[in-house]
Amino acid sequence: MDTELHFLSYDPEAIMAAMQTAYVEAGGDILYPGDEKEILLRAVLAIMVQAFAGIDNALRMDTLQYAVRDYLDLYGQKRNCVRIEAVQASATVDIYMDEGEAGTIPAGTALTEDGTMLYELAEDVTISGSEETVSAPILCTQAGAAGNGLLEGAVMQFLATIPGVISVTCTTGASGGRDREDDETYRERIRTYGLSTVTTGPSSAYEAAAEAVSTDVVDARALNTDDGEVTVYILPTEGADVQTLLAEVEAALSAEDVRPLTDHVLVDEAEAVEYTLNVSCRVENTGASQDALEAAADDYQTWQDRSIGRAFNPDKLMAQLYQAGATRVTWDAGSEFDGGTVEYTEILASQYCKGTITVTVVSA
């Protein structure tokens, strides 16, 4: 049963029947499949259905629940909540020059390590004409986290021949590349963004402002840690430059038009509390597959690990595995939470759970 909201409903077969009835009542013959007039009416019906579907889709795209891609961008812009765009990764290279003519390698000159991912000089590089090593910043031409794959020590080369260049070596690995905010994350941020359009104060306002800084902020939790002191804990994505991220969030929350004068704002990374769950799932011969059970475990881990202050709740994983088709679920040797037993456990408001889950299927 379709439970989605539609602004315009229609039944193509009912419309076709009405068109045929009107044709007959106007003096036409009964139309049979394959009749040229019946084919014409089918063509008109297709045009009508396409128009109805377009109207319905346009109305749905103007709602937060159903808007996607560019339509979601327009919805957010109307509420002054702009999607966080992708950011280019940056790195530093040493260019080893032989003696030759003085000159300039212009900004934008492309170079690569593997011929696939391209980088370009971020600024002009001046060549003196003598044997020398020149350091220069580079930017990935493709915005996003993929640009962070360039490692320190990588040997690169310019796409075009540059006279006097002996070699190019990456001296600082690429970092700072971030992917564009995905639809679901952006949609959820739009829901809470209204809280950050006024000066901060309530915890939810600080949290909304922190999450708007970067796609690398998975979750944020604001706590009153002392009189007039607010500490905002953030949960960064795996592999994020944590120190840079903390500085960006602190700068955003300490702006004069954001932070109340009575607040002293601190920003810190939430503390991870680690767990390991080795799970045996007994299934009947016609029961759940390994993929279904692992998908249930992945869903649980996303829920458990991506929220600051959320209590460790292994019972929820057990319930999801039963729903996925397991007939019996047990914790195997090696399962533990923070060095202790596997059981529902509250954690501090500044902590989050981070774990490893292994699912083993045992046939009945």
Protein backbone atom coordinates (compact mmCIF):
# COMPACT_ATOMS: atom_id res chain seq x y z
CA MET A 1 0.00 0.00 0.00
CA ASP A 2 1.35 3.44 -1.02
CA THR A 3 1.50 5.60 2.10
CA GLU A 4 3.38 8.51 0.53
CA LEU A 5 1.74 11.90 0.26
CA HIS A 6 0.52 12.89 -3.21
CA PHE A 7 -1.09 16.22 -4.02
CA LEU A 8 -2.69 15.02 -7.23
CA SER A 9 -4.12 11.53 -7.70
CA TYR A 10 -5.33 10.04 -10.98
CA ASP A 11 -6.26 6.70 -12.52
CA PRO A 12 -5.05 6.39 -16.14
CA GLU A 13 -7.43 3.53 -16.93
CA ALA A 14 -10.41 5.45 -15.53
CA ILE A 15 -9.44 8.45 -17.66
CA MET A 16 -9.15 6.22 -20.73
CA ALA A 17 -12.55 4.69 -20.06
CA ALA A 18 -14.10 8.15 -19.74
CA MET A 19 -12.48 9.25 -23.02
CA GLN A 20 -13.82 6.17 -24.85
CA THR A 21 -17.31 6.69 -23.37
CA ALA A 22 -17.31 10.33 -24.49
CA TYR A 23 -16.23 9.25 -27.98
CA VAL A 24 -19.03 6.71 -28.26
CA GLU A 25 -21.63 9.16 -26.90
CA ALA A 26 -20.50 11.66 -29.53
CA GLY A 27 -21.43 9.15 -32.27
CA GLY A 28 -18.25 7.14 -32.63
CA ASP A 29 -17.95 3.39 -32.86
CA ILE A 30 -16.78 1.15 -30.05
CA LEU A 31 -12.97 1.22 -29.97
CA TYR A 32 -10.98 -2.00 -29.80
CA PRO A 33 -7.28 -2.37 -28.99
CA GLY A 34 -5.18 -1.60 -32.05
CA ASP A 35 -7.79 0.70 -33.61
CA GLU A 36 -6.06 3.84 -34.90
CA LYS A 37 -8.49 6.05 -32.94
CA GLU A 38 -7.85 4.02 -29.78
CA ILE A 39 -4.09 4.45 -30.35
CA LEU A 40 -4.62 8.21 -30.70
CA LEU A 41 -6.55 8.36 -27.42
CA ARG A 42 -3.76 6.38 -25.73
CA ALA A 43 -1.26 8.96 -26.96
CA VAL A 44 -3.40 11.80 -25.56
CA LEU A 45 -3.72 9.87 -22.29
CA ALA A 46 0.07 9.59 -22.05
CA ILE A 47 0.40 13.36 -22.40
CA MET A 48 -2.23 13.96 -19.72
CA VAL A 49 -0.65 11.47 -17.30
CA GLN A 50 2.78 13.05 -17.82
CA ALA A 51 1.35 16.49 -17.07
CA PHE A 52 -0.43 15.26 -13.92
CA ALA A 53 2.72 13.50 -12.71
CA GLY A 54 4.76 16.65 -13.33
CA ILE A 55 2.37 18.78 -11.30
CA ASP A 56 2.31 16.28 -8.45
CA ASN A 57 6.10 15.98 -8.43
CA ALA A 58 6.56 19.78 -8.44
CA LEU A 59 4.30 20.10 -5.41
CA ARG A 60 6.11 17.26 -3.60
CA MET A 61 9.51 18.85 -4.35
CA ASP A 62 8.38 21.93 -2.40
CA THR A 63 8.16 19.93 0.83
CA LEU A 64 11.03 19.11 3.17
CA GLN A 65 10.05 15.44 3.33
CA TYR A 66 10.20 14.71 -0.41
CA ALA A 67 12.52 17.36 -1.92
CA VAL A 68 15.78 15.99 -3.38
CA ARG A 69 18.92 17.36 -5.05
CA ASP A 70 18.44 20.87 -6.52
CA TYR A 71 14.86 21.05 -5.23
CA LEU A 72 16.12 20.46 -1.69
CA ASP A 73 18.70 23.22 -2.24
CA LEU A 74 15.93 25.64 -3.22
CA TYR A 75 13.88 24.60 -0.20
CA GLY A 76 16.83 25.22 2.12
CA GLN A 77 17.72 28.55 0.49
CA LYS A 78 14.21 29.84 1.16
CA ARG A 79 14.95 29.23 4.84
CA ASN A 80 18.47 30.70 4.67
CA CYS A 81 19.99 27.26 5.23
CA VAL A 82 22.51 26.63 2.45
CA ARG A 83 23.87 23.17 1.69
CA ILE A 84 27.51 22.64 2.71
CA GLU A 85 29.40 22.31 -0.55
CA ALA A 86 32.39 20.09 -1.27
CA VAL A 87 35.85 21.45 -0.45
CA GLN A 88 39.07 20.88 -2.41
CA ALA A 89 41.95 19.04 -0.77
CA SER A 90 45.26 20.90 -0.55
CA ALA A 91 48.89 19.78 -0.32
CA THR A 92 52.43 21.08 -0.75
CA VAL A 93 55.02 20.00 -3.31
CA ASP A 94 58.73 20.60 -3.82
CA ILE A 95 59.67 21.35 -7.42
CA TYR A 96 63.30 20.53 -8.19
CA MET A 97 64.66 22.86 -10.91
CA ASP A 98 67.76 22.62 -13.07
CA GLU A 99 69.67 25.65 -14.34
CA GLY A 100 67.91 27.45 -17.13
CA GLU A 101 65.97 30.55 -17.98
CA ALA A 102 64.18 32.50 -15.27
CA GLY A 103 60.42 32.63 -15.52
CA THR A 104 57.11 31.74 -13.92
CA ILE A 105 55.02 28.60 -13.76
CA PRO A 106 51.49 30.06 -13.68
CA ALA A 107 48.86 29.18 -11.10
CA GLY A 108 46.47 26.53 -12.41
CA THR A 109 49.19 24.46 -14.08
CA ALA A 110 48.07 20.84 -13.69
CA LEU A 111 50.08 17.97 -12.23
CA THR A 112 49.28 14.42 -11.15
CA GLU A 113 50.66 11.32 -9.48
CA ASP A 114 48.59 8.60 -11.15
CA GLY A 115 47.16 10.30 -14.24
CA THR A 116 43.64 10.14 -12.81
CA MET A 117 43.41 12.56 -9.90
CA LEU A 118 44.57 16.01 -11.00
CA TYR A 119 45.97 18.83 -8.88
CA GLU A 120 46.93 22.37 -9.86
CA LEU A 121 49.28 25.02 -8.57
CA ALA A 122 47.43 27.34 -6.19
CA GLU A 123 49.67 30.30 -6.99
CA ASP A 124 52.33 31.38 -9.46
CA VAL A 125 55.76 29.78 -8.96
CA THR A 126 58.72 32.03 -9.72
CA ILE A 127 61.82 30.36 -11.19
CA SER A 128 65.15 32.12 -10.68
CA GLY A 129 66.96 30.22 -13.42
CA SER A 130 69.47 28.58 -11.10
CA GLU A 131 69.45 25.05 -9.70
CA GLU A 132 66.99 25.18 -6.82
CA THR A 133 64.06 23.61 -5.00
CA VAL A 134 60.83 25.60 -4.93
CA SER A 135 58.00 24.80 -2.52
CA ALA A 136 54.46 25.43 -3.76
CA PRO A 137 50.87 24.78 -2.58
CA ILE A 138 48.58 22.72 -4.80
CA LEU A 139 44.81 22.14 -4.87
CA CYS A 140 42.87 19.12 -6.11
CA THR A 141 40.84 20.02 -9.18
CA GLN A 142 38.04 17.75 -7.94
CA ALA A 143 36.35 18.92 -4.75
CA GLY A 144 35.66 16.20 -2.19
CA ALA A 145 37.33 13.72 0.15
CA ALA A 146 38.78 11.72 -2.78
CA GLY A 147 41.48 14.37 -3.14
CA ASN A 148 42.89 13.46 0.27
CA GLY A 149 44.43 10.32 -1.24
CA LEU A 150 47.69 12.06 -2.22
CA LEU A 151 50.31 10.94 0.31
CA GLU A 152 53.51 12.55 1.52
CA GLY A 153 56.44 11.43 -0.62
CA ALA A 154 54.37 10.84 -3.76
CA VAL A 155 56.25 11.61 -6.99
CA MET A 156 54.23 13.81 -9.32
CA GLN A 157 54.64 15.27 -12.77
CA PHE A 158 53.23 18.20 -14.71
CA LEU A 159 50.84 17.35 -17.54
CA ALA A 160 52.60 19.85 -19.77
CA THR A 161 56.36 19.96 -20.27
CA ILE A 162 57.91 22.64 -18.04
CA PRO A 163 61.52 23.44 -19.08
CA GLY A 164 64.00 22.94 -16.27
CA VAL A 165 61.80 20.77 -14.03
CA ILE A 166 63.70 17.71 -12.82
CA SER A 167 61.09 16.22 -10.49
CA VAL A 168 58.14 17.08 -8.27
CA THR A 169 57.61 15.49 -4.84
CA CYS A 170 54.66 15.87 -2.48
CA THR A 171 56.06 17.08 0.87
CA THR A 172 52.76 17.46 2.75
CA GLY A 173 50.02 14.90 2.16
CA ALA A 174 46.71 16.19 0.83
CA SER A 175 44.09 17.04 3.44
CA GLY A 176 41.02 19.18 3.95
CA GLY A 177 38.98 17.68 1.12
CA ARG A 178 35.33 17.26 2.10
CA ASP A 179 32.37 15.80 0.25
CA ARG A 180 29.22 17.75 -0.47
CA GLU A 181 26.53 17.40 2.19
CA ASP A 182 24.22 14.54 1.20
CA ASP A 183 20.45 14.99 0.92
CA GLU A 184 19.44 13.22 4.14
CA THR A 185 22.00 15.04 6.31
CA TYR A 186 21.04 18.36 4.74
CA ARG A 187 17.33 17.61 5.18
CA GLU A 188 17.79 16.93 8.89
CA ARG A 189 19.89 20.08 9.32
CA ILE A 190 17.18 22.19 7.69
CA ARG A 191 14.75 20.91 10.34
CA THR A 192 16.88 22.34 13.14
CA TYR A 193 18.51 25.27 11.35
CA GLY A 194 15.95 27.77 12.57
CA LEU A 195 17.50 27.39 16.01
CA SER A 196 20.82 28.77 14.75
CA THR A 197 19.41 31.84 13.00
CA VAL A 198 19.30 33.65 16.33
CA THR A 199 22.14 34.07 18.81
CA THR A 200 23.12 30.89 20.57
CA GLY A 201 22.22 30.22 24.17
CA PRO A 202 20.14 27.05 24.40
CA SER A 203 22.07 23.84 23.84
CA SER A 204 20.11 23.04 20.68
CA ALA A 205 21.15 26.35 19.13
CA TYR A 206 24.84 25.72 19.80
CA GLU A 207 24.50 22.20 18.40
CA ALA A 208 22.73 23.35 15.23
CA ALA A 209 25.39 26.03 14.62
CA ALA A 210 28.20 23.50 15.14
CA GLU A 211 26.68 20.96 12.74
CA ALA A 212 26.36 23.68 10.08
CA VAL A 213 30.13 24.23 10.00
CA SER A 214 31.17 21.12 8.06
CA THR A 215 30.01 17.77 6.75
CA ASP A 216 32.76 16.30 8.93
CA VAL A 217 30.65 17.02 12.04
CA VAL A 218 28.49 13.92 12.52
CA ASP A 219 26.92 15.08 15.79
CA ALA A 220 27.36 17.84 18.37
CA ARG A 221 26.43 18.12 22.03
CA ALA A 222 26.52 21.40 24.02
CA LEU A 223 26.94 21.18 27.80
CA ASN A 224 27.08 23.75 30.59
CA THR A 225 30.43 22.79 32.14
CA ASP A 226 30.74 25.77 34.51
CA ASP A 227 29.14 29.11 35.32
CA GLY A 228 29.09 31.04 32.06
CA GLU A 229 31.02 28.26 30.33
CA VAL A 230 29.70 26.17 27.45
CA THR A 231 31.62 23.20 26.07
CA VAL A 232 30.51 21.89 22.71
CA TYR A 233 31.59 18.32 22.01
CA ILE A 234 31.69 17.17 18.40
CA LEU A 235 31.80 13.72 16.81
CA PRO A 236 33.99 13.92 13.68
CA THR A 237 33.83 11.62 10.68
CA GLU A 238 36.45 8.89 10.34
CA GLY A 239 39.68 10.36 8.98
CA ALA A 240 38.74 14.02 9.49
CA ASP A 241 41.41 16.57 10.44
CA VAL A 242 40.14 16.90 14.02
CA GLN A 243 42.28 19.86 15.12
CA THR A 244 41.32 21.91 12.06
CA LEU A 245 37.68 20.96 12.54
CA LEU A 246 37.74 21.97 16.22
CA ALA A 247 39.23 25.35 15.28
CA GLU A 248 36.56 25.93 12.62
CA VAL A 249 33.72 25.08 14.99
CA GLU A 250 35.18 27.25 17.75
CA ALA A 251 35.51 30.19 15.36
CA ALA A 252 31.91 29.78 14.19
CA LEU A 253 30.50 29.57 17.72
CA SER A 254 32.58 32.45 19.09
CA ALA A 255 31.56 35.02 16.49
CA GLU A 256 30.25 38.26 17.97
CA ASP A 257 26.87 37.88 16.26
CA VAL A 258 26.49 34.31 17.53
CA ARG A 259 27.85 33.91 21.06
CA PRO A 260 26.11 35.65 23.99
CA LEU A 261 28.45 37.97 25.92
CA THR A 262 27.94 35.94 29.09
CA ASP A 263 29.21 32.69 27.55
CA HIS A 264 32.75 31.40 27.33
CA VAL A 265 32.73 28.75 24.60
CA LEU A 266 35.04 25.74 24.44
CA VAL A 267 35.03 23.12 21.70
CA ASP A 268 36.36 19.59 22.16
CA GLU A 269 36.15 16.16 20.54
CA ALA A 270 33.73 13.75 22.18
CA GLU A 271 35.37 10.80 23.94
CA ALA A 272 34.94 7.40 22.30
CA VAL A 273 33.90 4.47 24.47
CA GLU A 274 34.82 1.30 22.60
CA TYR A 275 32.94 -1.98 22.38
CA THR A 276 33.25 -5.30 20.55
CA LEU A 277 30.29 -7.52 19.72
CA ASN A 278 30.92 -10.99 18.32
CA VAL A 279 27.46 -12.31 17.54
CA SER A 280 26.32 -15.81 16.65
CA CYS A 281 22.98 -16.00 14.86
CA ARG A 282 21.25 -19.36 14.53
CA VAL A 283 18.92 -19.56 11.55
CA GLU A 284 16.61 -22.18 10.08
CA ASN A 285 17.40 -23.65 6.67
CA THR A 286 14.94 -21.21 5.12
CA GLY A 287 15.86 -18.37 7.46
CA ALA A 288 17.79 -15.15 7.07
CA SER A 289 20.87 -14.81 4.90
CA GLN A 290 24.28 -13.58 6.01
CA ASP A 291 23.71 -10.36 4.04
CA ALA A 292 20.39 -9.64 5.77
CA LEU A 293 21.86 -10.15 9.23
CA GLU A 294 24.95 -8.05 8.46
CA ALA A 295 22.70 -5.29 7.08
CA ALA A 296 20.76 -5.32 10.36
CA ALA A 297 24.05 -5.06 12.28
CA ASP A 298 25.20 -2.15 10.07
CA ASP A 299 21.92 -0.30 10.70
CA TYR A 300 22.35 -0.78 14.44
CA GLN A 301 25.97 0.40 14.38
CA THR A 302 25.04 3.56 12.47
CA TRP A 303 22.38 4.29 15.09
CA GLN A 304 24.63 3.47 18.05
CA ASP A 305 27.89 5.09 16.95
CA ARG A 306 26.73 8.36 15.39
CA SER A 307 25.20 10.10 18.40
CA ILE A 308 26.92 11.72 21.37
CA GLY A 309 25.60 10.68 24.78
CA ARG A 310 23.53 7.75 23.47
CA ALA A 311 23.54 4.85 25.95
CA PHE A 312 25.07 1.55 24.84
CA ASN A 313 22.08 -0.64 24.01
CA PRO A 314 23.01 -4.14 22.74
CA ASP A 315 19.41 -5.27 23.26
CA LYS A 316 18.45 -3.18 20.24
CA LEU A 317 20.96 -5.07 18.07
CA MET A 318 19.60 -8.39 19.31
CA ALA A 319 16.04 -7.29 18.47
CA GLN A 320 17.04 -6.19 14.96
CA LEU A 321 18.81 -9.50 14.30
CA TYR A 322 15.67 -11.41 15.37
CA GLN A 323 13.61 -9.20 13.04
CA ALA A 324 16.07 -10.01 10.22
CA GLY A 325 15.30 -13.73 10.63
CA ALA A 326 17.60 -15.12 13.33
CA THR A 327 15.98 -17.71 15.60
CA ARG A 328 18.59 -17.39 18.34
CA VAL A 329 21.21 -14.70 19.07
CA THR A 330 24.14 -15.08 21.49
CA TRP A 331 27.21 -13.02 22.37
CA ASP A 332 30.41 -14.96 21.67
CA ALA A 333 33.75 -14.82 23.47
CA GLY A 334 35.53 -11.49 23.10
CA SER A 335 32.36 -9.44 23.33
CA GLU A 336 32.76 -6.52 25.74
CA PHE A 337 31.84 -2.89 26.38
CA ASP A 338 34.53 -0.60 27.75
CA GLY A 339 36.33 -3.65 29.12
CA GLY A 340 33.22 -4.94 30.91
CA THR A 341 30.16 -7.04 30.24
CA VAL A 342 27.75 -6.55 27.34
CA GLU A 343 24.66 -4.95 28.84
CA TYR A 344 22.68 -1.73 28.62
CA THR A 345 25.02 0.99 29.93
CA GLU A 346 24.59 4.74 30.27
CA ILE A 347 27.54 6.86 29.13
CA LEU A 348 28.51 10.47 29.83
CA ALA A 349 26.86 13.23 27.83
CA SER A 350 30.28 14.03 26.33
CA GLN A 351 30.98 10.46 25.17
CA TYR A 352 29.91 8.31 22.25
CA CYS A 353 30.07 4.61 21.48
CA LYS A 354 32.50 3.29 18.87
CA GLY A 355 32.65 -0.39 18.15
CA THR A 356 33.21 -3.42 15.98
CA ILE A 357 30.49 -5.95 15.21
CA THR A 358 31.12 -9.41 13.74
CA VAL A 359 28.14 -11.59 12.75
CA THR A 360 28.49 -15.35 12.39
CA VAL A 361 25.61 -17.38 10.95
CA VAL A 362 25.04 -20.87 12.36
CA SER A 363 22.61 -23.11 10.48
CA ALA A 364 20.09 -25.02 12.57
